Amino acid sequence: MEALEPRVLTGFQLNSPAAGTSAAHVLPRGFLEFLEPLHRRFTPLQQQLIRKRRQALKASHGGHRPEHLPPSEATRGDWRIELPAWCADQRNQMTGPADDLELCVKMLNSGAPGVMLDLEDSCVNEFTHQLQGVGNVLACLRGDAAYFDKKRNQQVAIRSGKTVILIRPRGLHISQGGVFEGEPLAASLYDTAQVVFQADPAWLSHPLTFYIPKSESAEEALWWRDVFRALASARGWEPGSIKCMALVESHPLAYQMEEFIYNLRDHIVALNLGRWDYMASLIHFNFEDPAWVLPDRNTIPHDVAFFQRLRELMPEICHRRGILAVGGMTALYPSREDAELNARALAVLEKDKKNEAAMGMDGAWTGHPDQNQIALAQFPEPNQLHARRGLSDEAGRGPGAVDRYLDLRPAPAGVGRRAVAGTRAAVRTVIRYRNGVLNGRGASLLDGYMEDLATDRIYRLMIAQRMRHPGEAAVLDEAGEPAAHTPEFVGRIFDEELEKLQAEANSGSQKYAEARELSEAMVKNGEFDPH
């Protein structure tokens, strides 16, 4: 009898329409004709950039880690961006999945100066969810989004206000299938083009603004610049009419922030420290170094050196060039049912945002309306563009100037703890998060923490990191003894946590066994790209 080929599991599937569904029948009339020339031009370039990312990661694993680029016009030139008045106050940006219409309306009614509607990390990467997300984005831009509130037995619509609506498309690393037969399409282009194609400038109280995610080099900013120009041209708009903010959530980009801003200077108004993906990227690019085996995630302080140094440098670079610097998300969530958790979450939020404000940030991200007022109160209104320490390469710099070429890779020594309990918590979280995805949720509130793809990626990398360096970075069991994280040991933890979750489950819709299988496969196969 012929031996069966071993089954290879992958957690990330190409987003495509369901079998029997034609994209042409569900996408807006005329959109494919609008998109095709853009696809022919920009998808091959996206694929080249993906290959360059792989080369950079391989080089880092070989000892050639990310570093600052040599001085250039981008860093030496006397250029500056004029910040538009409509985005001068971004002290809090509320963020959430675009495929959840009720949450979109609640965020827009929260009073937050900015709301980011997410088609990426907190939105399931599945064809119908993406279509729903784009539809909700357009309804919010039109101002006619509404949901039915069962508790109050009434329709709730968006209230008029000055909130800046921001749209996060999927990142350059993701491809979209099933739109042009047999050809992968850059998901970033697909998402952005859908919104631009259907948006009417008459709806908009400010320029159409996108939040660029997951960039890994200043070169990638040129791709986005050219996409924005091409989309504006195709709609007959002025060349700089599409604006953007961008997340710094990869380790290589942290070393190229000023060059990135320079390449997008006709469009960009802010950078954002996306701390959770940034932590994942730090692990990924330092994966072969046992000094970078991180402590249990929730024992790492918010002001750990590898975050603080980036918080030092980012505002100075942004403010030097006239744009905003926005801080990241606090993962611990408030609760209206648990008074103790609620008090702890809001106290953590206040401390975290106070720290970001002290570092010169202009605002931060939150994910719950109850966080808005506390976040707003920590930051000077409208921003801190003029409260500068200066950079070490600037004329007239003061004694407290920030080193322009700061080392952004201080190893996490002496913080947190490495424990089997932390591995177990990571395993439990990745199973539950993947279960949520299989049930149509791109973000899940787990043990008081809002977990999305970024935090799932951190946990998968942490587990794999402990397996990669089993004898070099001690992870202690309950007796205080080192526990080698062999594949068998980690597999046993997956077995035990799956059994507990199945015993606790009270719904027939749970898919924990499949979620466990996929999560463990992703860890052991080394699937760590931020899909």
Protein backbone atom coordinates (compact mmCIF):
# COMPACT_ATOMS: atom_id res chain seq x y z
CA MET A 1 0.00 0.00 0.00
CA GLU A 2 1.34 3.42 -0.98
CA ALA A 3 2.22 5.66 1.97
CA LEU A 4 0.08 8.75 2.37
CA GLU A 5 1.72 12.16 2.03
CA PRO A 6 1.83 13.94 5.40
CA ARG A 7 -0.82 16.62 5.70
CA VAL A 8 0.63 20.14 5.74
CA LEU A 9 -1.53 22.61 7.63
CA THR A 10 -1.33 26.32 7.05
CA GLY A 11 -3.19 28.89 9.06
CA PHE A 12 -3.27 31.56 6.39
CA GLN A 13 -5.38 30.91 3.35
CA LEU A 14 -5.59 33.15 0.30
CA ASN A 15 -8.68 35.35 0.63
CA SER A 16 -10.94 34.40 -2.31
CA PRO A 17 -14.68 34.30 -3.02
CA ALA A 18 -16.49 31.13 -1.98
CA ALA A 19 -16.75 28.39 -4.59
CA GLY A 20 -19.43 29.26 -7.11
CA THR A 21 -19.24 32.98 -6.34
CA SER A 22 -17.95 35.35 -8.99
CA ALA A 23 -16.25 38.51 -7.79
CA ALA A 24 -17.57 40.31 -10.86
CA HIS A 25 -21.16 39.70 -9.69
CA VAL A 26 -20.70 41.11 -6.18
CA LEU A 27 -18.28 43.99 -6.76
CA PRO A 28 -19.59 47.40 -7.88
CA ARG A 29 -20.31 47.76 -11.59
CA GLY A 30 -17.32 49.22 -13.40
CA PHE A 31 -14.90 48.55 -10.53
CA LEU A 32 -12.94 45.76 -12.24
CA GLU A 33 -12.36 47.97 -15.27
CA PHE A 34 -11.15 50.71 -12.91
CA LEU A 35 -8.93 48.28 -10.98
CA GLU A 36 -7.32 46.21 -13.75
CA PRO A 37 -4.78 48.75 -15.09
CA LEU A 38 -3.81 49.58 -11.51
CA HIS A 39 -3.38 45.87 -10.77
CA ARG A 40 -1.17 45.38 -13.84
CA ARG A 41 1.05 48.24 -12.69
CA PHE A 42 1.21 47.82 -8.92
CA THR A 43 0.83 44.10 -8.06
CA PRO A 44 4.17 43.10 -9.68
CA LEU A 45 5.85 45.85 -7.64
CA GLN A 46 4.12 44.59 -4.48
CA GLN A 47 5.50 41.11 -5.17
CA GLN A 48 9.01 42.55 -5.56
CA LEU A 49 8.69 44.33 -2.23
CA ILE A 50 7.55 41.09 -0.56
CA ARG A 51 10.70 39.37 -1.88
CA LYS A 52 12.84 42.19 -0.49
CA ARG A 53 11.17 41.75 2.90
CA ARG A 54 12.10 38.07 2.93
CA GLN A 55 15.69 38.93 2.05
CA ALA A 56 15.87 41.49 4.88
CA LEU A 57 14.50 38.97 7.40
CA LYS A 58 16.95 36.30 6.22
CA ALA A 59 19.82 38.78 6.51
CA SER A 60 18.76 39.67 10.05
CA HIS A 61 18.73 36.02 11.05
CA GLY A 62 22.22 35.80 9.57
CA GLY A 63 23.48 38.63 11.77
CA HIS A 64 22.91 41.66 9.51
CA ARG A 65 20.16 43.30 11.53
CA PRO A 66 18.27 46.50 10.67
CA GLU A 67 20.21 49.74 11.11
CA HIS A 68 19.82 53.45 10.35
CA LEU A 69 20.31 54.46 6.71
CA PRO A 70 23.16 56.82 5.71
CA PRO A 71 22.35 60.57 5.78
CA SER A 72 20.45 61.77 2.72
CA GLU A 73 18.23 64.61 1.48
CA ALA A 74 15.45 63.00 3.53
CA THR A 75 17.39 63.46 6.78
CA ARG A 76 19.50 66.55 5.98
CA GLY A 77 17.16 68.59 3.82
CA ASP A 78 15.24 71.62 5.07
CA TRP A 79 11.78 70.35 4.15
CA ARG A 80 8.60 70.42 6.21
CA ILE A 81 4.96 69.35 5.88
CA GLU A 82 2.16 71.79 6.63
CA LEU A 83 -0.23 69.96 8.96
CA PRO A 84 -3.87 70.51 7.88
CA ALA A 85 -6.19 72.04 10.47
CA TRP A 86 -8.70 69.18 10.20
CA CYS A 87 -6.27 66.72 11.79
CA ALA A 88 -4.42 69.01 14.23
CA ASP A 89 -6.14 67.32 17.21
CA GLN A 90 -5.70 63.55 17.25
CA ARG A 91 -5.31 63.08 20.99
CA ASN A 92 -7.31 59.87 20.80
CA GLN A 93 -7.98 57.63 17.84
CA MET A 94 -10.65 55.00 18.53
CA THR A 95 -10.03 51.83 16.53
CA GLY A 96 -12.07 48.75 15.68
CA PRO A 97 -13.09 46.28 12.96
CA ALA A 98 -14.83 47.80 9.96
CA ASP A 99 -17.04 44.73 9.52
CA ASP A 100 -18.86 45.49 12.81
CA LEU A 101 -21.34 48.26 11.94
CA GLU A 102 -22.61 48.73 15.49
CA LEU A 103 -19.09 49.26 16.79
CA CYS A 104 -18.31 51.66 13.92
CA VAL A 105 -21.28 53.83 14.91
CA LYS A 106 -20.42 53.68 18.63
CA MET A 107 -16.84 54.72 17.93
CA LEU A 108 -17.95 57.63 15.76
CA ASN A 109 -20.34 58.73 18.52
CA SER A 110 -17.70 58.41 21.26
CA GLY A 111 -16.35 61.94 20.91
CA ALA A 112 -12.88 60.70 19.92
CA PRO A 113 -11.08 63.14 17.59
CA GLY A 114 -10.22 60.26 15.25
CA VAL A 115 -11.78 56.88 14.42
CA MET A 116 -9.86 54.23 12.51
CA LEU A 117 -12.07 51.72 10.66
CA ASP A 118 -9.99 48.59 10.29
CA LEU A 119 -10.03 46.23 7.30
CA GLU A 120 -6.92 44.46 8.57
CA ASP A 121 -5.84 43.06 11.97
CA SER A 122 -9.22 43.14 13.74
CA CYS A 123 -11.27 42.25 10.65
CA VAL A 124 -11.40 38.62 9.49
CA ASN A 125 -9.42 38.24 6.26
CA GLU A 126 -12.30 36.62 4.38
CA PHE A 127 -14.05 37.79 1.21
CA THR A 128 -17.51 38.58 2.57
CA HIS A 129 -16.13 40.20 5.75
CA GLN A 130 -13.95 42.48 3.65
CA LEU A 131 -16.91 43.44 1.44
CA GLN A 132 -19.01 44.15 4.53
CA GLY A 133 -16.17 46.20 5.98
CA VAL A 134 -15.85 48.34 2.85
CA GLY A 135 -19.63 48.82 2.79
CA ASN A 136 -19.58 50.00 6.39
CA VAL A 137 -16.67 52.36 5.69
CA LEU A 138 -18.63 53.96 2.85
CA ALA A 139 -21.76 54.30 5.03
CA CYS A 140 -19.68 56.02 7.71
CA LEU A 141 -18.13 58.37 5.15
CA ARG A 142 -21.62 59.21 3.85
CA GLY A 143 -22.80 59.78 7.41
CA ASP A 144 -25.78 57.43 7.14
CA ALA A 145 -24.45 54.40 9.05
CA ALA A 146 -26.89 53.19 11.74
CA TYR A 147 -27.72 50.10 13.79
CA PHE A 148 -30.72 48.91 15.81
CA ASP A 149 -30.13 49.01 19.55
CA LYS A 150 -32.15 46.13 21.05
CA LYS A 151 -31.76 47.34 24.64
CA ARG A 152 -33.16 50.76 23.84
CA ASN A 153 -35.44 49.48 21.08
CA GLN A 154 -34.39 52.22 18.71
CA GLN A 155 -32.26 52.99 15.68
CA VAL A 156 -28.93 54.65 16.48
CA ALA A 157 -27.27 56.72 13.76
CA ILE A 158 -24.00 58.63 13.54
CA ARG A 159 -24.16 62.04 15.16
CA SER A 160 -22.61 64.89 13.22
CA GLY A 161 -19.24 66.06 14.48
CA LYS A 162 -15.62 66.79 13.63
CA THR A 163 -14.31 63.25 14.04
CA VAL A 164 -11.65 62.34 11.48
CA ILE A 165 -12.46 59.03 9.78
CA LEU A 166 -9.39 56.92 8.96
CA ILE A 167 -9.44 53.70 6.91
CA ARG A 168 -6.89 50.93 7.39
CA PRO A 169 -6.57 48.64 4.35
CA ARG A 170 -4.74 45.33 4.48
CA GLY A 171 -0.94 45.48 4.35
CA LEU A 172 1.43 44.94 1.43
CA HIS A 173 2.26 41.40 2.57
CA ILE A 174 -1.30 40.17 1.84
CA SER A 175 -2.59 39.08 -1.56
CA GLN A 176 -6.22 38.89 -2.62
CA GLY A 177 -7.42 35.98 -4.76
CA GLY A 178 -10.38 35.39 -7.02
CA VAL A 179 -10.75 38.89 -8.46
CA PHE A 180 -8.66 38.35 -11.61
CA GLU A 181 -8.74 34.64 -12.40
CA GLY A 182 -5.54 32.81 -11.52
CA GLU A 183 -3.74 36.01 -10.48
CA PRO A 184 -2.99 37.19 -6.96
CA LEU A 185 -3.82 40.86 -6.45
CA ALA A 186 -2.22 43.23 -3.92
CA ALA A 187 -4.81 43.36 -1.10
CA SER A 188 -3.65 46.90 -0.18
CA LEU A 189 -4.52 48.08 -3.67
CA TYR A 190 -7.82 46.17 -3.75
CA ASP A 191 -9.05 47.61 -0.44
CA THR A 192 -7.91 51.17 -1.10
CA ALA A 193 -9.21 51.20 -4.67
CA GLN A 194 -12.65 49.95 -3.58
CA VAL A 195 -13.06 52.90 -1.23
CA VAL A 196 -11.68 55.47 -3.67
CA PHE A 197 -13.81 54.16 -6.54
CA GLN A 198 -17.05 54.48 -4.55
CA ALA A 199 -16.34 57.57 -2.42
CA ASP A 200 -17.93 60.87 -3.41
CA PRO A 201 -15.94 63.98 -2.37
CA ALA A 202 -19.28 65.68 -1.65
CA TRP A 203 -19.72 63.37 1.37
CA LEU A 204 -16.37 64.19 2.93
CA SER A 205 -15.67 66.78 5.61
CA HIS A 206 -11.92 66.18 5.21
CA PRO A 207 -9.73 64.48 2.58
CA LEU A 208 -10.03 60.72 2.21
CA THR A 209 -7.42 59.38 4.64
CA PHE A 210 -5.90 55.90 4.84
CA TYR A 211 -3.89 54.30 7.65
CA ILE A 212 -0.97 52.43 6.03
CA PRO A 213 -0.12 49.26 8.00
CA LYS A 214 2.81 46.84 8.21
CA SER A 215 5.36 48.78 6.15
CA GLU A 216 8.92 47.50 6.41
CA SER A 217 10.98 50.05 4.46
CA ALA A 218 11.04 53.63 3.21
CA GLU A 219 10.99 52.21 -0.32
CA GLU A 220 7.48 50.89 0.31
CA ALA A 221 6.32 54.47 0.89
CA LEU A 222 7.04 55.12 -2.79
CA TRP A 223 4.61 52.32 -3.72
CA TRP A 224 1.90 53.95 -1.64
CA ARG A 225 2.72 57.40 -2.99
CA ASP A 226 2.34 56.18 -6.56
CA VAL A 227 -0.87 54.28 -5.73
CA PHE A 228 -2.42 57.41 -4.20
CA ARG A 229 -1.39 59.47 -7.22
CA ALA A 230 -2.73 56.89 -9.68
CA LEU A 231 -6.05 56.54 -7.83
CA ALA A 232 -6.50 60.30 -7.61
CA SER A 233 -5.72 60.64 -11.32
CA ALA A 234 -8.19 57.88 -12.20
CA ARG A 235 -10.91 59.78 -10.31
CA GLY A 236 -9.90 63.17 -11.72
CA TRP A 237 -8.79 64.46 -8.31
CA GLU A 238 -5.80 66.65 -7.48
CA PRO A 239 -2.51 64.67 -7.03
CA GLY A 240 -2.22 65.22 -3.25
CA SER A 241 -5.91 64.91 -2.46
CA ILE A 242 -5.62 61.48 -0.76
CA LYS A 243 -3.99 61.71 2.68
CA CYS A 244 -2.58 59.07 4.98
CA MET A 245 -1.21 58.20 8.37
CA ALA A 246 1.15 55.25 8.76
CA LEU A 247 1.91 52.68 11.42
CA VAL A 248 5.47 51.96 12.49
CA GLU A 249 4.94 48.35 13.46
CA SER A 250 7.99 46.63 11.98
CA HIS A 251 11.52 46.80 13.37
CA PRO A 252 13.22 47.74 10.05
CA LEU A 253 10.89 50.71 9.52
CA ALA A 254 11.79 52.13 12.93
CA TYR A 255 15.23 52.83 11.45
CA GLN A 256 13.78 54.50 8.33
CA MET A 257 11.00 56.73 9.68
CA GLU A 258 12.28 60.04 8.35
CA GLU A 259 12.96 58.58 4.90
CA PHE A 260 9.48 57.05 4.89
CA ILE A 261 7.89 60.43 5.71
CA TYR A 262 9.98 62.12 3.02
CA ASN A 263 8.80 59.68 0.34
CA LEU A 264 5.15 60.33 1.30
CA ARG A 265 5.49 64.03 2.10
CA ASP A 266 2.64 65.07 -0.22
CA HIS A 267 0.21 62.77 1.61
CA ILE A 268 1.30 61.88 5.14
CA VAL A 269 0.10 63.67 8.32
CA ALA A 270 1.09 61.25 11.13
CA LEU A 271 3.08 58.22 12.19
CA ASN A 272 1.77 55.78 14.80
CA LEU A 273 3.72 53.39 17.02
CA GLY A 274 1.79 50.14 16.54
CA ARG A 275 3.37 48.58 19.57
CA TRP A 276 1.99 45.04 19.45
CA ASP A 277 2.99 44.28 15.88
CA TYR A 278 6.24 46.11 16.61
CA MET A 279 6.91 43.71 19.49
CA ALA A 280 6.15 40.75 17.21
CA SER A 281 8.49 42.14 14.56
CA LEU A 282 11.27 42.58 17.14
CA ILE A 283 10.95 38.91 18.06
CA HIS A 284 10.83 37.88 14.38
CA PHE A 285 13.92 39.85 13.33
CA ASN A 286 15.87 38.72 16.43
CA PHE A 287 14.54 35.15 16.36
CA GLU A 288 17.99 33.53 16.26
CA ASP A 289 19.29 35.49 19.26
CA PRO A 290 18.64 33.84 22.66
CA ALA A 291 19.01 37.25 24.35
CA TRP A 292 15.71 38.15 22.67
CA VAL A 293 13.62 35.36 24.18
CA LEU A 294 10.97 37.67 25.60
CA PRO A 295 9.34 37.36 29.02
CA ASP A 296 5.65 36.47 29.30
CA ARG A 297 3.84 39.20 27.36
CA ASN A 298 1.72 40.59 30.19
CA THR A 299 4.76 40.94 32.47
CA ILE A 300 6.58 43.26 30.05
CA PRO A 301 6.16 46.85 31.33
CA HIS A 302 4.69 49.47 29.01
CA ASP A 303 7.86 51.54 29.38
CA VAL A 304 10.32 48.75 28.53
CA ALA A 305 13.45 50.18 26.88
CA PHE A 306 12.77 48.91 23.35
CA PHE A 307 9.46 50.81 23.36
CA GLN A 308 10.75 53.89 25.20
CA ARG A 309 13.63 54.50 22.81
CA LEU A 310 11.29 54.42 19.84
CA ARG A 311 8.89 56.70 21.75
CA GLU A 312 11.82 59.08 22.24
CA LEU A 313 12.84 59.17 18.59
CA MET A 314 9.49 59.08 16.79
CA PRO A 315 8.00 62.37 18.10
CA GLU A 316 11.22 64.25 17.41
CA ILE A 317 11.40 63.02 13.81
CA CYS A 318 7.68 63.60 13.21
CA HIS A 319 7.64 67.07 14.78
CA ARG A 320 10.84 68.07 13.00
CA ARG A 321 8.96 67.48 9.75
CA GLY A 322 5.61 68.92 10.85
CA ILE A 323 3.47 65.80 11.35
CA LEU A 324 1.89 64.11 14.37
CA ALA A 325 3.24 61.20 16.40
CA VAL A 326 0.52 58.88 17.72
CA GLY A 327 0.98 56.24 20.42
CA GLY A 328 -0.33 52.69 20.51
CA MET A 329 -3.13 50.64 22.00
CA THR A 330 -3.44 49.62 25.64
CA ALA A 331 -4.57 46.00 25.48
CA LEU A 332 -6.31 45.77 28.90
CA TYR A 333 -9.96 46.63 28.31
CA PRO A 334 -12.51 48.29 30.62
CA SER A 335 -15.56 46.31 31.72
CA ARG A 336 -19.02 47.56 32.65
CA GLU A 337 -19.74 44.26 34.43
CA ASP A 338 -16.55 43.85 36.48
CA ALA A 339 -15.86 46.93 38.64
CA GLU A 340 -12.43 45.73 39.79
CA LEU A 341 -11.26 44.98 36.23
CA ASN A 342 -12.71 48.27 35.03
CA ALA A 343 -10.83 50.29 37.65
CA ARG A 344 -7.58 48.45 36.90
CA ALA A 345 -7.96 48.86 33.13
CA LEU A 346 -8.62 52.60 33.36
CA ALA A 347 -5.73 53.10 35.78
CA VAL A 348 -3.38 51.25 33.41
CA LEU A 349 -4.70 53.34 30.52
CA GLU A 350 -4.06 56.63 32.35
CA LYS A 351 -0.51 55.64 33.31
CA ASP A 352 0.28 54.37 29.81
CA LYS A 353 -1.03 57.47 28.01
CA LYS A 354 0.59 59.83 30.52
CA ASN A 355 3.90 58.16 29.68
CA GLU A 356 3.31 58.56 25.94
CA ALA A 357 2.44 62.24 26.40
CA ALA A 358 5.59 62.77 28.46
CA MET A 359 7.61 61.27 25.59
CA GLY A 360 6.18 63.88 23.22
CA MET A 361 3.39 61.90 21.55
CA ASP A 362 0.35 63.83 20.31
CA GLY A 363 -2.26 61.17 21.03
CA ALA A 364 -2.87 57.45 21.21
CA TRP A 365 -5.16 54.60 20.24
CA THR A 366 -8.01 53.18 22.28
CA GLY A 367 -10.70 50.65 21.46
CA HIS A 368 -13.58 51.36 23.86
CA PRO A 369 -15.72 54.52 24.27
CA ASP A 370 -15.16 54.48 28.06
CA GLN A 371 -11.45 55.09 27.43
CA ASN A 372 -11.88 58.27 25.41
CA GLN A 373 -12.00 60.95 28.10
CA ILE A 374 -9.08 59.51 30.06
CA ALA A 375 -6.95 59.30 26.90
CA LEU A 376 -7.87 62.85 25.86
CA ALA A 377 -6.98 64.23 29.27
CA GLN A 378 -3.38 62.97 29.13
CA PHE A 379 -2.34 64.89 26.00
CA PRO A 380 -2.01 68.69 25.52
CA GLU A 381 -4.62 70.11 23.15
CA PRO A 382 -4.38 70.08 20.18
CA ASN A 383 -0.87 68.54 19.89
CA GLN A 384 2.79 68.82 20.92
CA LEU A 385 4.33 69.80 17.59
CA HIS A 386 6.26 72.67 19.16
CA ALA A 387 7.31 70.95 22.41
CA ARG A 388 10.60 69.59 21.14
CA ARG A 389 13.86 68.43 22.68
CA GLY A 390 15.61 68.47 19.32
CA LEU A 391 17.68 65.85 17.49
CA SER A 392 21.45 65.45 17.81
CA ASP A 393 22.02 66.25 14.11
CA GLU A 394 20.06 69.55 14.22
CA ALA A 395 21.58 73.02 14.40
CA GLY A 396 20.89 74.78 17.70
CA ARG A 397 20.10 71.55 19.54
CA GLY A 398 19.89 71.75 23.32
CA PRO A 399 21.66 69.59 25.95
CA GLY A 400 18.64 67.25 26.15
CA ALA A 401 18.57 66.48 22.42
CA VAL A 402 17.64 62.96 21.32
CA ASP A 403 20.29 60.93 19.51
CA ARG A 404 19.14 60.85 15.87
CA TYR A 405 20.87 57.48 15.44
CA LEU A 406 19.63 55.93 18.66
CA ASP A 407 20.10 52.19 19.21
CA LEU A 408 16.55 50.86 18.90
CA ARG A 409 17.42 47.31 19.86
CA PRO A 410 18.19 47.21 23.61
CA ALA A 411 17.76 43.60 24.72
CA PRO A 412 14.91 43.04 27.23
CA ALA A 413 17.14 42.09 30.16
CA GLY A 414 15.89 42.30 33.74
CA VAL A 415 12.19 42.77 32.98
CA GLY A 416 9.19 40.49 33.43
CA ARG A 417 9.38 36.74 33.95
CA ARG A 418 9.64 33.66 31.76
CA ALA A 419 7.34 30.96 33.06
CA VAL A 420 5.57 27.86 31.79
CA ALA A 421 2.40 29.60 32.98
CA GLY A 422 3.14 32.29 30.38
CA THR A 423 3.55 29.66 27.66
CA ARG A 424 0.30 28.08 28.74
CA ALA A 425 -1.48 31.47 28.62
CA ALA A 426 -0.06 32.05 25.14
CA VAL A 427 -1.28 28.65 23.92
CA ARG A 428 -4.71 29.23 25.40
CA THR A 429 -4.93 32.66 23.78
CA VAL A 430 -3.90 31.56 20.28
CA ILE A 431 -6.45 28.72 20.34
CA ARG A 432 -9.23 31.05 21.50
CA TYR A 433 -8.24 33.79 19.06
CA ARG A 434 -8.20 31.34 16.12
CA ASN A 435 -11.54 29.96 17.29
CA GLY A 436 -12.89 33.50 17.08
CA VAL A 437 -11.57 33.85 13.52
CA LEU A 438 -13.18 30.56 12.51
CA ASN A 439 -16.44 31.94 13.90
CA GLY A 440 -16.12 35.26 12.03
CA ARG A 441 -14.47 37.49 14.66
CA GLY A 442 -11.19 39.23 13.89
CA ALA A 443 -10.76 40.50 17.46
CA SER A 444 -11.81 38.86 20.73
CA LEU A 445 -11.95 40.11 24.32
CA LEU A 446 -10.10 37.42 26.29
CA ASP A 447 -9.40 37.63 30.04
CA GLY A 448 -9.82 41.41 29.93
CA TYR A 449 -7.43 41.87 26.99
CA MET A 450 -8.47 42.74 23.46
CA GLU A 451 -6.65 40.23 21.28
CA ASP A 452 -6.36 40.65 17.53
CA LEU A 453 -3.98 39.36 14.87
CA ALA A 454 -1.08 41.43 16.26
CA THR A 455 -1.23 39.91 19.74
CA ASP A 456 -1.93 36.44 18.31
CA ARG A 457 1.28 36.84 16.31
CA ILE A 458 3.23 37.86 19.43
CA TYR A 459 2.08 34.73 21.24
CA ARG A 460 2.88 32.40 18.35
CA LEU A 461 6.35 33.90 18.05
CA MET A 462 6.93 33.69 21.81
CA ILE A 463 6.03 30.01 21.87
CA ALA A 464 8.26 29.28 18.85
CA GLN A 465 11.10 31.34 20.34
CA ARG A 466 11.07 29.25 23.51
CA MET A 467 11.16 26.12 21.34
CA ARG A 468 14.06 27.53 19.28
CA HIS A 469 16.23 28.23 22.37
CA PRO A 470 15.19 25.54 24.88
CA GLY A 471 18.46 25.47 26.83
CA GLU A 472 19.64 29.06 26.52
CA ALA A 473 16.80 31.11 28.04
CA ALA A 474 15.30 29.43 31.09
CA VAL A 475 11.51 29.20 31.25
CA LEU A 476 10.56 28.07 34.75
CA ASP A 477 7.82 25.69 35.85
CA GLU A 478 5.76 26.01 39.05
CA ALA A 479 8.59 24.48 41.07
CA GLY A 480 11.04 27.05 39.74
CA GLU A 481 12.83 24.52 37.56
CA PRO A 482 13.74 25.13 33.88
CA ALA A 483 11.31 23.44 31.47
CA ALA A 484 12.75 22.69 28.03
CA HIS A 485 10.18 23.68 25.40
CA THR A 486 10.52 20.70 23.11
CA PRO A 487 7.86 20.10 20.41
CA GLU A 488 6.48 17.29 22.58
CA PHE A 489 6.27 19.51 25.66
CA VAL A 490 4.51 22.31 23.76
CA GLY A 491 2.22 19.76 22.07
CA ARG A 492 1.20 18.50 25.51
CA ILE A 493 0.31 22.04 26.59
CA PHE A 494 -1.83 22.42 23.44
CA ASP A 495 -3.59 19.13 24.33
CA GLU A 496 -4.27 20.23 27.91
CA GLU A 497 -5.50 23.70 27.04
CA LEU A 498 -7.75 22.36 24.28
CA GLU A 499 -9.30 19.92 26.74
CA LYS A 500 -9.99 22.72 29.24
CA LEU A 501 -11.51 24.99 26.59
CA GLN A 502 -13.78 22.26 25.28
CA ALA A 503 -14.93 21.51 28.82
CA GLU A 504 -15.70 25.20 29.40
CA ALA A 505 -17.45 25.75 26.07
CA ASN A 506 -21.20 26.25 26.25
CA SER A 507 -21.88 26.76 22.55
CA GLY A 508 -22.09 24.27 19.73
CA SER A 509 -20.57 26.82 17.34
CA GLN A 510 -17.12 26.62 18.95
CA LYS A 511 -14.37 25.21 16.72
CA TYR A 512 -11.65 24.76 19.30
CA ALA A 513 -10.21 21.51 17.90
CA GLU A 514 -9.70 23.03 14.46
CA ALA A 515 -8.38 26.24 16.04
CA ARG A 516 -5.86 24.27 18.09
CA GLU A 517 -4.71 22.28 15.05
CA LEU A 518 -4.19 25.42 12.98
CA SER A 519 -2.49 27.37 15.78
CA GLU A 520 -0.04 24.61 16.64
CA ALA A 521 0.76 24.11 12.95
CA MET A 522 1.46 27.83 12.50
CA VAL A 523 3.87 27.78 15.45
CA LYS A 524 5.70 24.65 14.31
CA ASN A 525 5.72 25.62 10.59
CA GLY A 526 7.13 29.05 11.36
CA GLU A 527 4.15 30.98 9.93
CA PHE A 528 4.83 34.36 11.49
CA ASP A 529 4.09 36.90 8.78
CA PRO A 530 1.33 39.29 9.92
CA HIS A 531 -1.51 37.83 7.83
